[in-house]
Amino acid sequence: MGNTAYIKIAVWNLLGLSVTGFVFWMLANPSFPDSQLIFGVIFTVITIVSSIGTFWMAYMAIRCERNPWPILVLIFLPFSFLWYYQDRVRSGKNVGRNLSVV
């Protein structure tokens, strides 16, 4: 891994942590209005996308990566599946294991 790969991981994880921080702020702020429907919808969508993306990333890492353990450690960081999609899936770097031999 070069320096640019570490920078990409850091940028994607900072983005995910900032979204998670915003959701935490929505929940923890006592002056935040409870009756606004739009913030409830935003919270629900963010939570669902994060959960589904994490399971998708774990599935793809186990299925396609030669050594899935470093990727599986990253699933504990919120929204790290965005990095995995951009860097590994979309660019074609996850060559994968030969599953036709099974």
Foldseek 3Di string as FASTA:
>chain_A
DDPVLVVLLVVQLVVQVVVVVVLVCCVPPPPRDPPDVVNVVVNVVQVVCQVVLLVVQLVCLVFQAPDSVVSNVVSVRTRSSVSCCVPPVVVPPRVGDPPVVD
